């Protein structure tokens, strides 16, 4: 598993990690009618501020979450022409970031994914509200408080 800052924030690697792993969280949350757009993930990467690596990890996670949502990285399947936004897609993005913020080993990866998805569901109302209101402070605080428990 890659920690948030171990992505290196190279566009291709960022997009690949998002593509490979966000799809797993969508499946885990029971979303079968959606796909992840690697192109939109690249666009999300391009929207990230140049000072991202200067932020605390939980703050960077919030910035990344908003960038992924704004880029419409989750699309209606199977063609994926239209962006899909729902409570579940917001939770999948949050679960991805909880997972990236966790300090678990590769051996614990499956359990970490489950814990990350469970955490996102447990605080789903707060996540959805923060994303809807574009409240970076609230989302960052959730990541800071809860990621250590994933």
Foldseek 3Di string as FASTA:
>chain_A
DAAPCNLVLDLQSQLVLCQVQLVVLCVVLPNDFKHFDSVLSSQLSVPQDPCLVVDDLLLSLLSSLLSSVVSLRIAGDDVRPHRDDDLSSLLSSQLSSLLNNEPDDPVCNVVSSVVSSVLSVVCSVQSVVCSVVVPSVSSSVSSVVPSHVD
